[in-house]
Every structure is written in structure tokens, then in C-alpha cells.
Amino acid sequence: VGVLAVRVALGDGGQTTDKNGAITAIGSQPFGKFLLALIVIGLIGYSLWGFVRAILDPLNRGTDPKGIAQRIGYAVSGLSYGALVIPTVRFIMGTSSTGGSSGASQDLTAKLLSQPFGPWLVGLLGLIGMGGGVGQLFQAFTADFKKDLKFRDMSSDEQKWAIRVGKFGMAARGIVFAMMGFFILQAALHKDPGNVKGLDGALQTLVHQPYGPWLLGIVALGLVSFGVYSLLCAKWIRLSR
């Protein structure tokens, strides 16, 4: 997603997208279906990892309100990545295509808004999204995430770069999540599902701001940075035994 957004920021064509659109982009490359087959395995693993973090708590988040909120977030992560498995398999088999999330988000929001207390529920979801974004910005500012890394097994340079890419990546994700939550809140306040924008729409919104390509480029590089940080976590994450 980050690389595709960087291309948009540089005026190299294409469009902003989300995880579904990234799957389509990968599938259109040489050996794309082979790569997607590997990604399906990774999606299944990461989905299960979300539920493991939520239920078994290997990251020692605990049972205080903050810990419970984080573990609920891990469960949501497990659901969201697991939901990508079947569409990806269908894309590999050539039976369907994937695209951006804004349209699907608007349809779901419209259904919620039509229910009793729907605007209140949608507004709550928007506030939760904004809160999640602010939480990630706080982690970026304080480098709170470094407690999850095995610093004793890392050199000083590895520690330094892990903190740098982690802070940059967390900040970018925080901005995008806060924007998405804000759009959901606006949909609740105005009772208009058209205000809702997914990851693809949030990135596209940045382009239309003053210095938009620069803003999009910085956030896009931040998303790439978060991907690099995730790779570092795969090697050095601290787990309880």
C-alpha cells in the first residue's frame, strides 16, 4: 500500500489503495499468483497471530483497561486479515477481483445508520478509530513499542534503526487511522455514509490538501517504514514463555 501511494505522490501514475487493492496489484505482476499463494499463507498466519495475542497474551498486555483494549484490537486485526484470505484465493483462481475499501465501508455504514441508534453506534466507531490513531501517535512519540523488542539481542545500530522505523511507521499509521475515524464520525453527525472513506480514500484525501503530494509521500513512506518495522518484529519480538 505504501509503495503504491509513493508512486501516486511522485506522479508516476496509479491510484491510492488499501490491502485489497494491493493484492490486486501484486497479482498483476509476473509470477503474481505464486506470490499471492505465499501471501495467503502469511494472511492465515497473521490472522491466527491476532487471536493468539488476544487470547493467550504473549505480549503481556495484561487485564487492565488499557491491556484489554489492546487485546480487543488484536482480535479485530485477526478478523480483518482473516477476511482477506477468501478474496485472495478467489483472485488466484480468477473467480473475482479485489478493490479499494471505501465503497464497502460506505455500504456497511449506510446499513448501520438505518438502524435504531445507528448514528450513535457509527459515531462510537468513529471515536474508537480516532482513539486508535491517537494511541499509535502516542506510541510513535514515546517509542513505547520498544518494550516489545529483544534489545539485548540487538546491536546498538539495530536498536537505533528499529526505533527510527518504528516511530515513523507508527506515526503514519496513527495519522491514517485517525483520519478514517474522523470520516466515520462525520458520517454519523451528518447521517451521510458518503463521508466514510477507507484507507484508500484517506490517502487520496491527503493528495487534495495544500502540499498534498508531499503529505501523501511522507505518510506513504511511513507505511513502508511500518512494514520494515514489522519485519524487524518477526526477528526480535519479545514473547512470554
Protein backbone atom coordinates (compact mmCIF):
# COMPACT_ATOMS: atom_id res chain seq x y z
CA VAL A 1 0.00 0.00 0.00
CA GLY A 2 2.83 2.37 0.88
CA VAL A 3 4.76 1.77 -2.32
CA LEU A 4 1.67 2.31 -4.48
CA ALA A 5 0.92 5.56 -2.63
CA VAL A 6 4.52 6.72 -3.12
CA ARG A 7 4.05 6.27 -6.86
CA VAL A 8 0.94 8.46 -6.74
CA ALA A 9 2.81 11.11 -4.76
CA LEU A 10 5.61 11.13 -7.34
CA GLY A 11 3.13 11.48 -10.20
CA ASP A 12 4.13 8.07 -11.52
CA GLY A 13 0.54 7.01 -12.19
CA GLY A 14 -1.72 4.55 -10.41
CA GLN A 15 -4.01 5.34 -7.53
CA THR A 16 -4.11 5.08 -3.76
CA THR A 17 -5.47 1.79 -2.48
CA ASP A 18 -5.82 -0.42 0.57
CA LYS A 19 -4.85 -4.02 1.36
CA ASN A 20 -7.39 -5.40 -1.11
CA GLY A 21 -6.09 -3.19 -3.90
CA ALA A 22 -2.52 -4.12 -3.03
CA ILE A 23 -3.43 -7.78 -3.51
CA THR A 24 -4.75 -6.96 -6.97
CA ALA A 25 -1.55 -5.05 -7.80
CA ILE A 26 0.64 -7.95 -6.68
CA GLY A 27 -1.46 -10.44 -8.63
CA SER A 28 -0.97 -8.47 -11.84
CA GLN A 29 2.83 -8.78 -11.65
CA PRO A 30 4.91 -11.57 -13.24
CA PHE A 31 4.57 -14.67 -11.03
CA GLY A 32 1.87 -12.70 -9.23
CA LYS A 33 -0.34 -15.68 -8.45
CA PHE A 34 2.62 -17.55 -6.98
CA LEU A 35 3.36 -14.56 -4.77
CA LEU A 36 -0.28 -14.36 -3.74
CA ALA A 37 -0.23 -18.05 -2.79
CA LEU A 38 2.60 -17.24 -0.37
CA ILE A 39 0.67 -14.21 0.87
CA VAL A 40 -2.39 -16.37 1.59
CA ILE A 41 -0.24 -18.49 3.90
CA GLY A 42 1.02 -15.30 5.55
CA LEU A 43 -2.52 -13.90 5.92
CA ILE A 44 -3.67 -17.08 7.63
CA GLY A 45 -0.68 -16.96 9.94
CA TYR A 46 -1.10 -13.28 10.78
CA SER A 47 -4.82 -13.73 11.36
CA LEU A 48 -4.11 -16.55 13.82
CA TRP A 49 -1.40 -14.41 15.43
CA GLY A 50 -4.02 -11.74 16.10
CA PHE A 51 -6.17 -14.22 18.02
CA VAL A 52 -3.14 -15.66 19.84
CA ARG A 53 -2.20 -12.16 21.01
CA ALA A 54 -5.78 -11.51 22.10
CA ILE A 55 -6.40 -14.78 23.95
CA LEU A 56 -3.02 -16.06 25.18
CA ASP A 57 -1.45 -12.61 25.68
CA PRO A 58 2.16 -13.49 24.73
CA LEU A 59 2.99 -9.76 24.71
CA ASN A 60 1.97 -9.41 28.37
CA ARG A 61 -0.63 -6.69 27.84
CA GLY A 62 -2.48 -7.78 30.96
CA THR A 63 -6.09 -7.35 32.03
CA ASP A 64 -6.24 -3.67 32.96
CA PRO A 65 -8.44 -1.42 30.75
CA LYS A 66 -5.50 -0.45 28.51
CA GLY A 67 -4.43 -4.07 28.09
CA ILE A 68 -7.96 -5.27 27.36
CA ALA A 69 -8.38 -2.54 24.72
CA GLN A 70 -5.15 -3.61 23.04
CA ARG A 71 -6.13 -7.26 23.10
CA ILE A 72 -9.52 -6.43 21.57
CA GLY A 73 -7.59 -4.59 18.86
CA TYR A 74 -5.55 -7.73 18.22
CA ALA A 75 -8.76 -9.75 17.81
CA VAL A 76 -10.06 -7.18 15.32
CA SER A 77 -6.74 -7.45 13.47
CA GLY A 78 -7.18 -11.22 13.32
CA LEU A 79 -10.65 -10.82 11.84
CA SER A 80 -9.64 -8.16 9.30
CA TYR A 81 -6.66 -10.09 7.95
CA GLY A 82 -8.56 -13.36 8.01
CA ALA A 83 -11.28 -11.70 5.91
CA LEU A 84 -8.68 -11.17 3.16
CA VAL A 85 -7.95 -14.87 2.74
CA ILE A 86 -11.02 -15.94 0.72
CA PRO A 87 -10.97 -12.91 -1.66
CA THR A 88 -7.27 -13.54 -2.30
CA VAL A 89 -7.85 -17.22 -3.02
CA ARG A 90 -10.68 -16.27 -5.39
CA PHE A 91 -8.42 -13.79 -7.15
CA ILE A 92 -5.79 -16.50 -7.62
CA MET A 93 -8.44 -18.80 -9.10
CA GLY A 94 -9.66 -15.99 -11.36
CA THR A 95 -13.19 -16.02 -9.98
CA SER A 96 -13.24 -12.48 -8.57
CA SER A 97 -11.27 -9.25 -8.24
CA THR A 98 -10.50 -7.04 -5.27
CA GLY A 99 -10.54 -3.28 -4.93
CA GLY A 100 -10.49 -0.36 -2.52
CA SER A 101 -12.38 -0.40 0.74
CA SER A 102 -14.20 2.95 0.68
CA GLY A 103 -17.23 1.68 -1.23
CA ALA A 104 -17.71 -1.34 1.01
CA SER A 105 -17.26 0.82 4.12
CA GLN A 106 -19.93 3.22 2.88
CA ASP A 107 -22.38 0.37 2.24
CA LEU A 108 -21.85 -1.03 5.73
CA THR A 109 -22.19 2.42 7.28
CA ALA A 110 -25.45 3.03 5.40
CA LYS A 111 -26.88 -0.19 6.88
CA LEU A 112 -25.81 0.81 10.38
CA LEU A 113 -27.21 4.34 10.04
CA SER A 114 -30.61 2.92 9.08
CA GLN A 115 -30.85 1.00 12.37
CA PRO A 116 -32.24 2.35 15.66
CA PHE A 117 -29.44 4.19 17.46
CA GLY A 118 -27.39 3.64 14.28
CA PRO A 119 -25.89 7.16 14.21
CA TRP A 120 -24.78 6.74 17.83
CA LEU A 121 -23.15 3.39 17.04
CA VAL A 122 -21.40 4.78 13.96
CA GLY A 123 -20.26 7.79 15.96
CA LEU A 124 -18.84 5.49 18.64
CA LEU A 125 -16.96 3.53 15.98
CA GLY A 126 -15.55 6.79 14.63
CA LEU A 127 -14.36 7.83 18.07
CA ILE A 128 -12.78 4.42 18.61
CA GLY A 129 -10.97 4.75 15.28
CA MET A 130 -9.73 8.21 16.15
CA GLY A 131 -8.67 6.98 19.58
CA GLY A 132 -6.72 4.16 18.00
CA GLY A 133 -4.96 6.62 15.73
CA VAL A 134 -4.08 8.90 18.63
CA GLY A 135 -2.82 5.87 20.55
CA GLN A 136 -0.46 4.96 17.72
CA LEU A 137 0.76 8.55 17.52
CA PHE A 138 1.46 8.37 21.27
CA GLN A 139 3.45 5.16 20.74
CA ALA A 140 5.41 6.88 17.98
CA PHE A 141 6.18 9.90 20.18
CA THR A 142 7.21 7.88 23.23
CA ALA A 143 8.70 4.86 21.38
CA ASP A 144 6.61 2.77 23.78
CA PHE A 145 6.74 -0.13 21.32
CA LYS A 146 10.43 -0.77 22.04
CA LYS A 147 9.48 -2.74 25.17
CA ASP A 148 8.34 -5.50 22.78
CA LEU A 149 11.79 -5.92 21.24
CA LYS A 150 14.69 -8.07 22.44
CA PHE A 151 17.13 -5.20 22.82
CA ARG A 152 19.73 -7.45 24.46
CA ASP A 153 19.98 -9.47 21.24
CA MET A 154 20.36 -6.36 19.07
CA SER A 155 23.40 -4.24 18.32
CA SER A 156 23.29 -0.52 19.07
CA ASP A 157 22.78 0.26 15.37
CA GLU A 158 19.98 -2.29 15.12
CA GLN A 159 18.31 -0.77 18.18
CA LYS A 160 18.62 2.74 16.75
CA TRP A 161 17.17 1.86 13.36
CA ALA A 162 14.38 -0.26 14.85
CA ILE A 163 13.26 2.73 16.92
CA ARG A 164 13.52 5.08 13.95
CA VAL A 165 11.48 2.98 11.53
CA GLY A 166 9.03 2.04 14.28
CA LYS A 167 8.36 5.66 15.25
CA PHE A 168 7.98 6.77 11.62
CA GLY A 169 5.72 3.82 10.80
CA MET A 170 3.57 4.18 13.91
CA ALA A 171 3.11 7.90 13.24
CA ALA A 172 1.98 7.28 9.66
CA ARG A 173 -0.48 4.59 10.73
CA GLY A 174 -1.75 6.83 13.51
CA ILE A 175 -2.47 9.65 11.06
CA VAL A 176 -4.33 7.37 8.67
CA PHE A 177 -6.35 5.65 11.41
CA ALA A 178 -7.30 9.00 12.96
CA MET A 179 -8.44 10.27 9.56
CA MET A 180 -10.55 7.19 8.91
CA GLY A 181 -12.16 7.52 12.35
CA PHE A 182 -12.86 11.20 11.70
CA PHE A 183 -14.60 10.39 8.42
CA ILE A 184 -16.78 7.80 10.20
CA LEU A 185 -17.67 10.35 12.87
CA GLN A 186 -18.66 12.85 10.20
CA ALA A 187 -20.92 10.24 8.63
CA ALA A 188 -22.66 9.81 11.99
CA LEU A 189 -23.04 13.55 12.60
CA HIS A 190 -24.44 14.23 9.12
CA LYS A 191 -26.14 10.83 8.69
CA ASP A 192 -24.39 10.54 5.34
CA PRO A 193 -22.45 7.31 4.64
CA GLY A 194 -20.77 9.07 1.72
CA ASN A 195 -18.46 10.73 4.25
CA VAL A 196 -16.88 7.39 5.11
CA LYS A 197 -13.55 6.66 3.49
CA GLY A 198 -11.38 3.59 3.83
CA LEU A 199 -7.60 3.50 3.76
CA ASP A 200 -7.60 4.24 0.04
CA GLY A 201 -9.88 7.24 0.50
CA ALA A 202 -7.89 8.59 3.44
CA LEU A 203 -4.70 8.54 1.39
CA GLN A 204 -6.45 10.15 -1.56
CA THR A 205 -7.72 12.92 0.74
CA LEU A 206 -4.13 13.84 1.56
CA VAL A 207 -3.41 14.47 -2.14
CA HIS A 208 -6.06 17.19 -2.29
CA GLN A 209 -4.65 19.16 0.63
CA PRO A 210 -2.15 22.02 0.28
CA TYR A 211 1.21 20.40 -0.48
CA GLY A 212 -0.82 17.22 -0.97
CA PRO A 213 1.77 15.16 -2.88
CA TRP A 214 4.33 15.93 -0.17
CA LEU A 215 1.91 14.94 2.59
CA LEU A 216 0.94 11.74 0.79
CA GLY A 217 4.59 10.93 0.09
CA ILE A 218 5.57 11.31 3.75
CA VAL A 219 2.67 9.18 5.00
CA ALA A 220 3.26 6.60 2.27
CA LEU A 221 6.92 6.28 3.21
CA GLY A 222 5.77 5.93 6.80
CA LEU A 223 3.57 2.99 5.82
CA VAL A 224 6.56 1.40 4.09
CA SER A 225 8.53 2.06 7.27
CA PHE A 226 5.88 0.24 9.32
CA GLY A 227 6.27 -2.74 7.00
CA VAL A 228 10.00 -2.74 7.67
CA TYR A 229 9.34 -2.47 11.41
CA SER A 230 7.02 -5.48 11.18
CA LEU A 231 9.85 -7.48 9.60
CA LEU A 232 12.11 -6.48 12.48
CA CYS A 233 9.43 -7.65 14.93
CA ALA A 234 9.36 -11.02 13.17
CA LYS A 235 13.00 -11.47 14.22
CA TRP A 236 13.26 -9.65 17.54
CA ILE A 237 9.81 -9.53 19.14
CA ARG A 238 9.78 -10.39 22.85
CA LEU A 239 7.32 -13.14 23.80
CA SER A 240 6.41 -14.54 27.21
CA ARG A 241 7.00 -18.21 27.86
